[in-house]
Amino acid sequence: MTDQADLAYLKSVAESGQRAPLLGGRFFLWWGGLACIALVLHWAILSQVFTVQPAWLGALWASYGIIGGTGASFLARSLRNKPGLGAASTRSERAVWMAMTATVFAYAIGIVVANSIAPFQVSLLILFDTIPLVAFGGYGIAFYVTSALGGPRWMGHLAPVAWVACGVGVYWVGTPHLYLFAAAVTAILGVLPGIILMRNEPPAERESV
């Protein structure tokens, strides 16, 4: 999409008094859907619904990262002709969610490293249980900031939902039930917003020949 067409679209949105629709819905839906599946499988392994060793949990989450990252790279290409890529709300959405993802990734890697080199016994499974809770806290911050910087107002209402889930989930740390709880919360905070955002996306501009 040309810069002129993008500016014309943003001007029309500003003149109508609306907020520019965000373009991250497909990423919400993709990552949220994958996370729900991975969380349910994590619960199934811990609950011995599947007769596999807990060591398979590492392979499960490694697959989640590889599949998710590969799919996200293809999804990014589908945004090339979408109007609104230059909107401040779209840029802030991209920045805050990248920062949140980097925070959760660093925390998860830190847990694995600590379990490997710490001079004292660290329970990897217990620490691993806190990762979804850290993610929910990050969701709350990202929703709040995105809404405050021009994103949909309803995202601001999801922020306290994410923070409450972060605190409530502590009750199930150390039990398989945490992962069913996390899957349900992820469906609310990831899949549902993705559906709403995609429904509100502007149509892609046709490429000029």
N, C-alpha and C. Protein backbone atom coordinates (compact mmCIF):
# COMPACT_ATOMS: atom_id res chain seq x y z
N MET A 1 0.85 -1.19 0.00
CA MET A 1 0.00 0.00 0.00
C MET A 1 0.89 1.25 0.00
N THR A 2 0.52 2.28 -0.80
CA THR A 2 1.32 3.49 -0.89
C THR A 2 1.14 4.35 0.35
N ASP A 3 2.15 5.20 0.61
CA ASP A 3 2.06 6.10 1.75
C ASP A 3 0.91 7.08 1.58
N GLN A 4 0.66 7.51 0.33
CA GLN A 4 -0.41 8.46 0.10
C GLN A 4 -1.77 7.85 0.43
N ALA A 5 -1.96 6.59 0.03
CA ALA A 5 -3.23 5.92 0.31
C ALA A 5 -3.40 5.70 1.81
N ASP A 6 -2.31 5.38 2.48
CA ASP A 6 -2.37 5.17 3.93
C ASP A 6 -2.73 6.47 4.64
N LEU A 7 -2.11 7.57 4.20
CA LEU A 7 -2.41 8.88 4.81
C LEU A 7 -3.85 9.29 4.55
N ALA A 8 -4.35 8.99 3.35
CA ALA A 8 -5.73 9.33 3.03
C ALA A 8 -6.69 8.55 3.92
N TYR A 9 -6.36 7.28 4.16
CA TYR A 9 -7.22 6.47 5.03
C TYR A 9 -7.21 7.02 6.45
N LEU A 10 -6.02 7.33 6.98
CA LEU A 10 -5.92 7.85 8.35
C LEU A 10 -6.64 9.20 8.48
N LYS A 11 -6.58 10.02 7.42
CA LYS A 11 -7.27 11.31 7.45
C LYS A 11 -8.77 11.12 7.54
N SER A 12 -9.28 10.13 6.77
CA SER A 12 -10.72 9.89 6.80
C SER A 12 -11.18 9.37 8.15
N VAL A 13 -10.34 8.55 8.78
CA VAL A 13 -10.67 8.03 10.11
C VAL A 13 -10.69 9.18 11.13
N ALA A 14 -9.67 10.06 11.05
CA ALA A 14 -9.59 11.17 11.99
C ALA A 14 -10.78 12.12 11.82
N GLU A 15 -11.17 12.38 10.58
CA GLU A 15 -12.27 13.31 10.32
C GLU A 15 -13.61 12.74 10.80
N SER A 16 -13.72 11.44 10.83
CA SER A 16 -14.98 10.82 11.28
C SER A 16 -15.04 10.71 12.80
N GLY A 17 -13.92 11.03 13.47
CA GLY A 17 -13.89 10.95 14.93
C GLY A 17 -13.72 9.55 15.46
N GLN A 18 -13.37 8.60 14.61
CA GLN A 18 -13.19 7.22 15.02
C GLN A 18 -11.74 6.96 15.40
N ARG A 19 -11.51 5.80 16.03
CA ARG A 19 -10.15 5.34 16.28
C ARG A 19 -9.78 4.37 15.17
N ALA A 20 -8.56 4.49 14.66
CA ALA A 20 -8.14 3.60 13.57
C ALA A 20 -8.17 2.16 14.03
N PRO A 21 -8.83 1.27 13.28
CA PRO A 21 -8.86 -0.15 13.68
C PRO A 21 -7.46 -0.74 13.75
N LEU A 22 -7.23 -1.55 14.75
CA LEU A 22 -5.94 -2.22 14.89
C LEU A 22 -5.86 -3.39 13.92
N LEU A 23 -4.63 -3.77 13.60
CA LEU A 23 -4.41 -4.80 12.59
C LEU A 23 -3.78 -6.06 13.16
N GLY A 24 -3.81 -6.20 14.49
CA GLY A 24 -3.16 -7.35 15.10
C GLY A 24 -4.08 -8.51 15.39
N GLY A 25 -5.31 -8.46 14.88
CA GLY A 25 -6.27 -9.51 15.20
C GLY A 25 -5.83 -10.90 14.80
N ARG A 26 -5.23 -11.02 13.64
CA ARG A 26 -4.80 -12.35 13.17
C ARG A 26 -3.71 -12.93 14.07
N PHE A 27 -2.88 -12.06 14.66
CA PHE A 27 -1.84 -12.54 15.57
C PHE A 27 -2.43 -12.96 16.91
N PHE A 28 -3.41 -12.20 17.39
CA PHE A 28 -4.13 -12.61 18.59
C PHE A 28 -4.73 -14.00 18.39
N LEU A 29 -5.41 -14.17 17.27
CA LEU A 29 -6.12 -15.43 17.01
C LEU A 29 -5.14 -16.58 16.84
N TRP A 30 -4.05 -16.35 16.12
CA TRP A 30 -3.07 -17.39 15.86
C TRP A 30 -2.35 -17.82 17.13
N TRP A 31 -1.74 -16.85 17.83
CA TRP A 31 -1.00 -17.19 19.04
C TRP A 31 -1.94 -17.65 20.16
N GLY A 32 -3.10 -16.99 20.28
CA GLY A 32 -4.05 -17.38 21.32
C GLY A 32 -4.59 -18.78 21.11
N GLY A 33 -4.92 -19.10 19.86
CA GLY A 33 -5.43 -20.44 19.56
C GLY A 33 -4.38 -21.51 19.81
N LEU A 34 -3.14 -21.25 19.36
CA LEU A 34 -2.06 -22.21 19.61
C LEU A 34 -1.81 -22.39 21.10
N ALA A 35 -1.82 -21.27 21.83
CA ALA A 35 -1.57 -21.34 23.27
C ALA A 35 -2.65 -22.15 23.98
N CYS A 36 -3.90 -21.97 23.57
CA CYS A 36 -4.99 -22.75 24.18
C CYS A 36 -4.76 -24.24 23.97
N ILE A 37 -4.38 -24.62 22.76
CA ILE A 37 -4.13 -26.03 22.47
C ILE A 37 -2.96 -26.55 23.31
N ALA A 38 -1.87 -25.77 23.35
CA ALA A 38 -0.69 -26.19 24.12
C ALA A 38 -0.99 -26.30 25.61
N LEU A 39 -1.76 -25.37 26.13
CA LEU A 39 -2.10 -25.40 27.56
C LEU A 39 -2.97 -26.61 27.91
N VAL A 40 -3.92 -26.93 27.05
CA VAL A 40 -4.76 -28.11 27.30
C VAL A 40 -3.92 -29.38 27.22
N LEU A 41 -2.99 -29.45 26.25
CA LEU A 41 -2.11 -30.61 26.15
C LEU A 41 -1.19 -30.71 27.37
N HIS A 42 -0.73 -29.55 27.86
CA HIS A 42 0.09 -29.54 29.07
C HIS A 42 -0.70 -30.12 30.24
N TRP A 43 -1.94 -29.70 30.38
CA TRP A 43 -2.80 -30.25 31.44
C TRP A 43 -2.97 -31.76 31.27
N ALA A 44 -3.19 -32.20 30.03
CA ALA A 44 -3.43 -33.62 29.76
C ALA A 44 -2.21 -34.47 30.11
N ILE A 45 -1.01 -33.93 29.85
CA ILE A 45 0.21 -34.67 30.17
C ILE A 45 0.39 -34.77 31.69
N LEU A 46 0.21 -33.64 32.38
CA LEU A 46 0.37 -33.65 33.83
C LEU A 46 -0.69 -34.52 34.51
N SER A 47 -1.88 -34.54 33.94
CA SER A 47 -2.99 -35.30 34.52
C SER A 47 -2.97 -36.76 34.10
N GLN A 48 -1.99 -37.13 33.27
CA GLN A 48 -1.82 -38.50 32.77
C GLN A 48 -2.99 -38.95 31.91
N VAL A 49 -3.65 -37.98 31.28
CA VAL A 49 -4.64 -38.34 30.27
C VAL A 49 -3.92 -39.00 29.10
N PHE A 50 -2.73 -38.48 28.79
CA PHE A 50 -1.84 -39.11 27.83
C PHE A 50 -0.72 -39.79 28.61
N THR A 51 -0.44 -41.01 28.28
CA THR A 51 0.58 -41.78 29.01
C THR A 51 1.97 -41.48 28.44
N VAL A 52 2.42 -40.23 28.65
CA VAL A 52 3.77 -39.83 28.23
C VAL A 52 4.46 -39.20 29.42
N GLN A 53 5.76 -39.15 29.36
CA GLN A 53 6.55 -38.60 30.44
C GLN A 53 6.45 -37.06 30.45
N PRO A 54 6.52 -36.44 31.65
CA PRO A 54 6.51 -34.98 31.72
C PRO A 54 7.64 -34.33 30.94
N ALA A 55 8.69 -35.11 30.62
CA ALA A 55 9.78 -34.55 29.84
C ALA A 55 9.32 -34.06 28.47
N TRP A 56 8.18 -34.59 28.00
CA TRP A 56 7.64 -34.17 26.71
C TRP A 56 7.12 -32.74 26.74
N LEU A 57 6.98 -32.17 27.93
CA LEU A 57 6.49 -30.80 28.03
C LEU A 57 7.44 -29.82 27.32
N GLY A 58 8.72 -30.09 27.43
CA GLY A 58 9.69 -29.23 26.75
C GLY A 58 9.49 -29.25 25.24
N ALA A 59 9.28 -30.46 24.69
CA ALA A 59 9.04 -30.59 23.26
C ALA A 59 7.74 -29.90 22.85
N LEU A 60 6.74 -29.99 23.73
CA LEU A 60 5.45 -29.36 23.45
C LEU A 60 5.62 -27.85 23.27
N TRP A 61 6.31 -27.20 24.21
CA TRP A 61 6.43 -25.75 24.16
C TRP A 61 7.44 -25.29 23.13
N ALA A 62 8.43 -26.12 22.85
CA ALA A 62 9.36 -25.80 21.75
C ALA A 62 8.60 -25.82 20.41
N SER A 63 7.73 -26.81 20.26
CA SER A 63 6.91 -26.89 19.03
C SER A 63 5.99 -25.70 18.92
N TYR A 64 5.43 -25.29 20.07
CA TYR A 64 4.56 -24.12 20.08
C TYR A 64 5.31 -22.89 19.56
N GLY A 65 6.53 -22.69 20.04
CA GLY A 65 7.30 -21.53 19.61
C GLY A 65 7.67 -21.58 18.14
N ILE A 66 8.08 -22.77 17.66
CA ILE A 66 8.49 -22.91 16.26
C ILE A 66 7.30 -22.73 15.32
N ILE A 67 6.21 -23.43 15.62
CA ILE A 67 5.02 -23.33 14.77
C ILE A 67 4.44 -21.92 14.82
N GLY A 68 4.39 -21.36 16.03
CA GLY A 68 3.84 -20.01 16.18
C GLY A 68 4.66 -18.97 15.42
N GLY A 69 5.97 -19.03 15.58
CA GLY A 69 6.82 -18.06 14.91
C GLY A 69 6.77 -18.18 13.40
N THR A 70 6.73 -19.42 12.89
CA THR A 70 6.64 -19.63 11.44
C THR A 70 5.32 -19.10 10.89
N GLY A 71 4.23 -19.42 11.58
CA GLY A 71 2.93 -18.93 11.13
C GLY A 71 2.82 -17.43 11.19
N ALA A 72 3.38 -16.83 12.24
CA ALA A 72 3.30 -15.38 12.40
C ALA A 72 4.05 -14.65 11.28
N SER A 73 5.15 -15.24 10.81
CA SER A 73 5.90 -14.60 9.73
C SER A 73 5.07 -14.56 8.45
N PHE A 74 4.28 -15.60 8.19
CA PHE A 74 3.40 -15.61 7.03
C PHE A 74 2.25 -14.63 7.21
N LEU A 75 1.72 -14.55 8.43
CA LEU A 75 0.62 -13.63 8.70
C LEU A 75 1.06 -12.18 8.51
N ALA A 76 2.30 -11.88 8.87
CA ALA A 76 2.80 -10.51 8.73
C ALA A 76 2.77 -10.06 7.27
N ARG A 77 3.03 -11.00 6.36
CA ARG A 77 3.02 -10.65 4.94
C ARG A 77 1.62 -10.28 4.46
N SER A 78 0.61 -10.81 5.11
CA SER A 78 -0.76 -10.54 4.66
C SER A 78 -1.22 -9.14 5.02
N LEU A 79 -0.41 -8.40 5.78
CA LEU A 79 -0.78 -7.04 6.17
C LEU A 79 -0.25 -5.97 5.21
N ARG A 80 0.48 -6.38 4.20
CA ARG A 80 1.17 -5.40 3.36
C ARG A 80 0.23 -4.39 2.72
N ASN A 81 -0.97 -4.81 2.34
CA ASN A 81 -1.90 -3.92 1.66
C ASN A 81 -3.04 -3.43 2.55
N LYS A 82 -2.85 -3.57 3.85
CA LYS A 82 -3.88 -3.11 4.77
C LYS A 82 -3.71 -1.62 5.06
N PRO A 83 -4.78 -0.83 4.95
CA PRO A 83 -4.67 0.58 5.33
C PRO A 83 -4.55 0.72 6.84
N GLY A 84 -3.86 1.75 7.28
CA GLY A 84 -3.72 2.01 8.71
C GLY A 84 -2.44 1.50 9.33
N LEU A 85 -1.52 0.97 8.51
CA LEU A 85 -0.28 0.45 9.08
C LEU A 85 0.54 1.56 9.74
N GLY A 86 0.35 2.80 9.26
CA GLY A 86 1.11 3.90 9.82
C GLY A 86 0.44 4.60 10.98
N ALA A 87 -0.74 4.13 11.38
CA ALA A 87 -1.46 4.77 12.48
C ALA A 87 -0.68 4.63 13.78
N ALA A 88 -0.76 5.68 14.62
CA ALA A 88 -0.05 5.64 15.90
C ALA A 88 -0.52 4.48 16.76
N SER A 89 -1.82 4.20 16.72
CA SER A 89 -2.35 3.11 17.54
C SER A 89 -1.80 1.76 17.08
N THR A 90 -1.64 1.61 15.76
CA THR A 90 -1.09 0.35 15.23
C THR A 90 0.37 0.20 15.61
N ARG A 91 1.12 1.29 15.53
CA ARG A 91 2.54 1.23 15.90
C ARG A 91 2.71 0.96 17.40
N SER A 92 1.87 1.59 18.21
CA SER A 92 1.98 1.36 19.65
C SER A 92 1.55 -0.06 20.01
N GLU A 93 0.54 -0.57 19.31
CA GLU A 93 0.12 -1.95 19.55
C GLU A 93 1.27 -2.91 19.27
N ARG A 94 1.91 -2.70 18.13
CA ARG A 94 3.02 -3.58 17.75
C ARG A 94 4.15 -3.51 18.77
N ALA A 95 4.48 -2.30 19.21
CA ALA A 95 5.60 -2.12 20.13
C ALA A 95 5.32 -2.74 21.50
N VAL A 96 4.13 -2.49 22.04
CA VAL A 96 3.85 -2.95 23.40
C VAL A 96 3.71 -4.46 23.45
N TRP A 97 3.15 -5.06 22.40
CA TRP A 97 3.01 -6.52 22.42
C TRP A 97 4.35 -7.22 22.17
N MET A 98 5.21 -6.59 21.38
CA MET A 98 6.56 -7.15 21.22
C MET A 98 7.32 -7.09 22.54
N ALA A 99 7.17 -5.98 23.27
CA ALA A 99 7.84 -5.85 24.56
C ALA A 99 7.31 -6.87 25.55
N MET A 100 5.99 -7.07 25.56
CA MET A 100 5.40 -8.05 26.47
C MET A 100 5.89 -9.46 26.16
N THR A 101 5.93 -9.79 24.86
CA THR A 101 6.39 -11.12 24.45
C THR A 101 7.85 -11.33 24.85
N ALA A 102 8.68 -10.30 24.66
CA ALA A 102 10.09 -10.41 25.02
C ALA A 102 10.25 -10.62 26.52
N THR A 103 9.41 -9.97 27.32
CA THR A 103 9.48 -10.12 28.77
C THR A 103 9.16 -11.55 29.20
N VAL A 104 8.09 -12.10 28.66
CA VAL A 104 7.69 -13.46 29.01
C VAL A 104 8.74 -14.46 28.54
N PHE A 105 9.28 -14.23 27.33
CA PHE A 105 10.32 -15.13 26.80
C PHE A 105 11.55 -15.11 27.69
N ALA A 106 11.97 -13.90 28.10
CA ALA A 106 13.15 -13.79 28.97
C ALA A 106 12.91 -14.49 30.30
N TYR A 107 11.71 -14.35 30.83
CA TYR A 107 11.37 -15.00 32.11
C TYR A 107 11.43 -16.52 31.97
N ALA A 108 10.87 -17.04 30.87
CA ALA A 108 10.86 -18.49 30.66
C ALA A 108 12.28 -19.03 30.50
N ILE A 109 13.10 -18.33 29.71
CA ILE A 109 14.49 -18.76 29.53
C ILE A 109 15.24 -18.70 30.85
N GLY A 110 14.96 -17.68 31.65
CA GLY A 110 15.60 -17.57 32.95
C GLY A 110 15.30 -18.74 33.86
N ILE A 111 14.06 -19.24 33.80
CA ILE A 111 13.67 -20.39 34.61
C ILE A 111 14.47 -21.63 34.20
N VAL A 112 14.58 -21.84 32.89
CA VAL A 112 15.31 -23.00 32.40
C VAL A 112 16.79 -22.91 32.80
N VAL A 113 17.38 -21.74 32.63
CA VAL A 113 18.79 -21.56 32.97
C VAL A 113 19.01 -21.73 34.47
N ALA A 114 18.12 -21.15 35.28
CA ALA A 114 18.26 -21.26 36.73
C ALA A 114 18.19 -22.72 37.18
N ASN A 115 17.31 -23.47 36.55
CA ASN A 115 17.19 -24.88 36.91
C ASN A 115 18.45 -25.67 36.56
N SER A 116 19.19 -25.16 35.57
CA SER A 116 20.38 -25.88 35.10
C SER A 116 21.63 -25.55 35.91
N ILE A 117 21.76 -24.28 36.35
CA ILE A 117 23.02 -23.86 36.94
C ILE A 117 22.92 -23.38 38.38
N ALA A 118 21.70 -23.27 38.91
CA ALA A 118 21.56 -22.76 40.28
C ALA A 118 22.23 -23.71 41.27
N PRO A 119 22.94 -23.20 42.29
CA PRO A 119 23.61 -24.06 43.26
C PRO A 119 22.64 -24.70 44.25
N PHE A 120 21.36 -24.31 44.18
CA PHE A 120 20.36 -24.90 45.06
C PHE A 120 19.28 -25.55 44.20
N GLN A 121 18.50 -26.40 44.81
CA GLN A 121 17.47 -27.13 44.08
C GLN A 121 16.31 -26.20 43.72
N VAL A 122 16.04 -26.09 42.45
CA VAL A 122 14.93 -25.28 41.97
C VAL A 122 13.90 -26.18 41.32
N SER A 123 12.64 -26.04 41.73
CA SER A 123 11.60 -26.87 41.13
C SER A 123 11.19 -26.25 39.80
N LEU A 124 11.64 -26.86 38.70
CA LEU A 124 11.34 -26.34 37.38
C LEU A 124 9.84 -26.31 37.11
N LEU A 125 9.12 -27.36 37.51
CA LEU A 125 7.69 -27.43 37.22
C LEU A 125 6.92 -26.33 37.96
N ILE A 126 7.29 -26.07 39.22
CA ILE A 126 6.60 -25.02 39.96
C ILE A 126 6.88 -23.66 39.34
N LEU A 127 8.14 -23.39 39.02
CA LEU A 127 8.48 -22.12 38.39
C LEU A 127 7.82 -21.99 37.02
N PHE A 128 7.77 -23.09 36.29
CA PHE A 128 7.14 -23.06 34.97
C PHE A 128 5.67 -22.69 35.08
N ASP A 129 5.04 -23.09 36.19
CA ASP A 129 3.63 -22.76 36.40
C ASP A 129 3.38 -21.26 36.47
N THR A 130 4.41 -20.50 36.84
CA THR A 130 4.20 -19.06 36.97
C THR A 130 4.28 -18.32 35.64
N ILE A 131 4.73 -18.98 34.59
CA ILE A 131 4.88 -18.30 33.30
C ILE A 131 3.55 -17.78 32.76
N PRO A 132 2.46 -18.60 32.75
CA PRO A 132 1.19 -18.05 32.28
C PRO A 132 0.72 -16.86 33.10
N LEU A 133 1.02 -16.86 34.40
CA LEU A 133 0.58 -15.77 35.25
C LEU A 133 1.35 -14.49 34.92
N VAL A 134 2.65 -14.62 34.68
CA VAL A 134 3.43 -13.46 34.24
C VAL A 134 2.89 -12.95 32.90
N ALA A 135 2.53 -13.88 32.02
CA ALA A 135 1.97 -13.49 30.72
C ALA A 135 0.67 -12.73 30.88
N PHE A 136 -0.19 -13.18 31.79
CA PHE A 136 -1.46 -12.47 32.01
C PHE A 136 -1.23 -11.06 32.53
N GLY A 137 -0.24 -10.91 33.41
CA GLY A 137 0.11 -9.58 33.87
C GLY A 137 0.57 -8.70 32.72
N GLY A 138 1.37 -9.29 31.82
CA GLY A 138 1.81 -8.56 30.64
C GLY A 138 0.66 -8.22 29.71
N TYR A 139 -0.30 -9.14 29.58
CA TYR A 139 -1.50 -8.88 28.78
C TYR A 139 -2.20 -7.63 29.31
N GLY A 140 -2.35 -7.56 30.62
CA GLY A 140 -3.04 -6.42 31.22
C GLY A 140 -2.35 -5.10 30.89
N ILE A 141 -1.02 -5.07 31.02
CA ILE A 141 -0.27 -3.86 30.70
C ILE A 141 -0.44 -3.51 29.23
N ALA A 142 -0.32 -4.52 28.34
CA ALA A 142 -0.42 -4.26 26.91
C ALA A 142 -1.81 -3.77 26.52
N PHE A 143 -2.85 -4.38 27.09
CA PHE A 143 -4.21 -3.92 26.80
C PHE A 143 -4.40 -2.48 27.25
N TYR A 144 -3.94 -2.17 28.45
CA TYR A 144 -4.12 -0.83 29.02
C TYR A 144 -3.41 0.22 28.17
N VAL A 145 -2.14 -0.05 27.83
CA VAL A 145 -1.36 0.92 27.06
C VAL A 145 -1.93 1.08 25.65
N THR A 146 -2.28 -0.02 25.01
CA THR A 146 -2.84 0.05 23.65
C THR A 146 -4.11 0.87 23.62
N SER A 147 -4.98 0.65 24.59
CA SER A 147 -6.22 1.41 24.65
C SER A 147 -5.97 2.89 24.91
N ALA A 148 -5.03 3.17 25.80
CA ALA A 148 -4.73 4.56 26.15
C ALA A 148 -4.10 5.33 25.00
N LEU A 149 -3.41 4.64 24.09
CA LEU A 149 -2.73 5.30 22.99
C LEU A 149 -3.51 5.23 21.68
N GLY A 150 -4.82 5.11 21.78
CA GLY A 150 -5.65 5.20 20.59
C GLY A 150 -6.28 3.90 20.13
N GLY A 151 -6.04 2.81 20.85
CA GLY A 151 -6.66 1.54 20.49
C GLY A 151 -8.11 1.48 20.95
N PRO A 152 -8.78 0.36 20.72
CA PRO A 152 -10.18 0.22 21.12
C PRO A 152 -10.36 0.40 22.62
N ARG A 153 -11.42 1.07 23.01
CA ARG A 153 -11.67 1.30 24.43
C ARG A 153 -11.93 0.01 25.18
N TRP A 154 -12.50 -0.98 24.48
CA TRP A 154 -12.81 -2.24 25.17
C TRP A 154 -11.54 -2.96 25.64
N MET A 155 -10.41 -2.66 25.02
CA MET A 155 -9.17 -3.27 25.48
C MET A 155 -8.82 -2.80 26.90
N GLY A 156 -9.17 -1.55 27.20
CA GLY A 156 -8.94 -1.05 28.54
C GLY A 156 -9.72 -1.81 29.59
N HIS A 157 -10.89 -2.34 29.21
CA HIS A 157 -11.69 -3.12 30.14
C HIS A 157 -11.14 -4.54 30.32
N LEU A 158 -10.39 -5.03 29.31
CA LEU A 158 -9.79 -6.35 29.44
C LEU A 158 -8.58 -6.35 30.36
N ALA A 159 -7.96 -5.18 30.53
CA ALA A 159 -6.76 -5.10 31.36
C ALA A 159 -7.00 -5.61 32.78
N PRO A 160 -8.04 -5.13 33.50
CA PRO A 160 -8.25 -5.66 34.86
C PRO A 160 -8.62 -7.14 34.87
N VAL A 161 -9.25 -7.63 33.79
CA VAL A 161 -9.54 -9.07 33.71
C VAL A 161 -8.23 -9.85 33.71
N ALA A 162 -7.26 -9.37 32.94
CA ALA A 162 -5.96 -10.03 32.87
C ALA A 162 -5.25 -9.98 34.22
N TRP A 163 -5.31 -8.84 34.90
CA TRP A 163 -4.64 -8.72 36.19
C TRP A 163 -5.28 -9.60 37.25
N VAL A 164 -6.60 -9.69 37.23
CA VAL A 164 -7.29 -10.58 38.18
C VAL A 164 -6.89 -12.03 37.91
N ALA A 165 -6.84 -12.42 36.63
CA ALA A 165 -6.44 -13.79 36.28
C ALA A 165 -5.02 -14.07 36.75
N CYS A 166 -4.14 -13.07 36.66
CA CYS A 166 -2.76 -13.22 37.13
C CYS A 166 -2.72 -13.57 38.61
N GLY A 167 -3.56 -12.90 39.40
CA GLY A 167 -3.57 -13.15 40.84
C GLY A 167 -4.31 -14.42 41.22
N VAL A 168 -5.47 -14.65 40.59
CA VAL A 168 -6.29 -15.82 40.93
C VAL A 168 -5.57 -17.11 40.57
N GLY A 169 -4.83 -17.09 39.47
CA GLY A 169 -4.16 -18.30 39.02
C GLY A 169 -3.14 -18.84 40.00
N VAL A 170 -2.63 -17.99 40.88
CA VAL A 170 -1.65 -18.45 41.87
C VAL A 170 -2.23 -19.58 42.72
N TYR A 171 -3.53 -19.58 42.90
CA TYR A 171 -4.19 -20.61 43.72
C TYR A 171 -3.91 -22.01 43.17
N TRP A 172 -3.77 -22.14 41.85
CA TRP A 172 -3.61 -23.46 41.24
C TRP A 172 -2.16 -23.79 40.89
N VAL A 173 -1.22 -22.93 41.26
CA VAL A 173 0.19 -23.23 40.98
C VAL A 173 0.56 -24.54 41.66
N GLY A 174 1.22 -25.39 40.92
CA GLY A 174 1.60 -26.71 41.45
C GLY A 174 0.59 -27.79 41.16
N THR A 175 -0.50 -27.45 40.47
CA THR A 175 -1.52 -28.44 40.11
C THR A 175 -1.77 -28.39 38.61
N PRO A 176 -2.22 -29.51 38.02
CA PRO A 176 -2.55 -29.50 36.58
C PRO A 176 -3.69 -28.56 36.24
N HIS A 177 -4.56 -28.27 37.22
CA HIS A 177 -5.73 -27.44 36.94
C HIS A 177 -5.34 -26.04 36.48
N LEU A 178 -4.14 -25.59 36.84
CA LEU A 178 -3.70 -24.27 36.42
C LEU A 178 -3.77 -24.13 34.91
N TYR A 179 -3.45 -25.20 34.19
CA TYR A 179 -3.35 -25.10 32.74
C TYR A 179 -4.71 -25.08 32.06
N LEU A 180 -5.71 -25.69 32.66
CA LEU A 180 -7.08 -25.54 32.15
C LEU A 180 -7.57 -24.12 32.40
N PHE A 181 -7.27 -23.60 33.59
CA PHE A 181 -7.61 -22.21 33.91
C PHE A 181 -6.92 -21.27 32.92
N ALA A 182 -5.65 -21.49 32.67
CA ALA A 182 -4.90 -20.63 31.76
C ALA A 182 -5.43 -20.71 30.34
N ALA A 183 -5.85 -21.91 29.92
CA ALA A 183 -6.42 -22.05 28.58
C ALA A 183 -7.71 -21.25 28.44
N ALA A 184 -8.56 -21.30 29.47
CA ALA A 184 -9.82 -20.55 29.44
C ALA A 184 -9.55 -19.05 29.41
N VAL A 185 -8.60 -18.60 30.23
CA VAL A 185 -8.27 -17.17 30.26
C VAL A 185 -7.67 -16.73 28.92
N THR A 186 -6.84 -17.57 28.33
CA THR A 186 -6.23 -17.24 27.04
C THR A 186 -7.28 -17.13 25.95
N ALA A 187 -8.30 -17.97 26.02
CA ALA A 187 -9.39 -17.86 25.05
C ALA A 187 -10.08 -16.50 25.15
N ILE A 188 -10.22 -16.00 26.38
CA ILE A 188 -10.87 -14.71 26.60
C ILE A 188 -9.96 -13.55 26.20
N LEU A 189 -8.69 -13.64 26.56
CA LEU A 189 -7.75 -12.54 26.35
C LEU A 189 -7.04 -12.58 25.00
N GLY A 190 -7.06 -13.74 24.35
CA GLY A 190 -6.35 -13.87 23.08
C GLY A 190 -7.24 -14.15 21.90
N VAL A 191 -8.01 -15.24 21.99
CA VAL A 191 -8.84 -15.65 20.86
C VAL A 191 -9.98 -14.67 20.62
N LEU A 192 -10.72 -14.33 21.66
CA LEU A 192 -11.87 -13.44 21.51
C LEU A 192 -11.48 -12.06 20.96
N PRO A 193 -10.46 -11.40 21.52
CA PRO A 193 -10.04 -10.13 20.93
C PRO A 193 -9.60 -10.27 19.47
N GLY A 194 -8.97 -11.39 19.15
CA GLY A 194 -8.55 -11.60 17.77
C GLY A 194 -9.73 -11.63 16.82
N ILE A 195 -10.80 -12.30 17.22
CA ILE A 195 -12.00 -12.37 16.38
C ILE A 195 -12.59 -10.98 16.21
N ILE A 196 -12.69 -10.22 17.30
CA ILE A 196 -13.27 -8.87 17.25
C ILE A 196 -12.43 -7.96 16.35
N LEU A 197 -11.12 -8.00 16.53
CA LEU A 197 -10.25 -7.13 15.74
C LEU A 197 -10.30 -7.46 14.26
N MET A 198 -10.36 -8.73 13.93
CA MET A 198 -10.40 -9.12 12.52
C MET A 198 -11.72 -8.71 11.87
N ARG A 199 -12.79 -8.76 12.63
CA ARG A 199 -14.09 -8.34 12.10
C ARG A 199 -14.11 -6.84 11.80
N ASN A 200 -13.30 -6.07 12.54
CA ASN A 200 -13.28 -4.62 12.38
C ASN A 200 -12.17 -4.12 11.46
N GLU A 201 -11.35 -5.02 10.94
CA GLU A 201 -10.26 -4.60 10.06
C GLU A 201 -10.79 -3.99 8.77
N PRO A 202 -10.14 -2.94 8.28
CA PRO A 202 -10.51 -2.41 6.96
C PRO A 202 -10.08 -3.37 5.86
N PRO A 203 -10.78 -3.38 4.73
CA PRO A 203 -10.38 -4.28 3.63
C PRO A 203 -9.04 -3.86 3.07
N ALA A 204 -8.31 -4.83 2.54
CA ALA A 204 -7.01 -4.54 1.94
C ALA A 204 -7.19 -3.77 0.65
N GLU A 205 -6.24 -2.88 0.38
CA GLU A 205 -6.25 -2.13 -0.87
C GLU A 205 -5.72 -3.02 -1.99
N ARG A 206 -6.29 -2.87 -3.16
CA ARG A 206 -5.80 -3.62 -4.31
C ARG A 206 -4.47 -3.05 -4.78
N GLU A 207 -3.55 -3.94 -5.12
CA GLU A 207 -2.26 -3.49 -5.59
C GLU A 207 -2.41 -2.90 -7.00
N SER A 208 -1.74 -1.78 -7.21
CA SER A 208 -1.80 -1.17 -8.53
C SER A 208 -0.97 -1.96 -9.52
N VAL A 209 -1.46 -2.06 -10.73
CA VAL A 209 -0.78 -2.87 -11.76
C VAL A 209 0.19 -2.01 -12.52
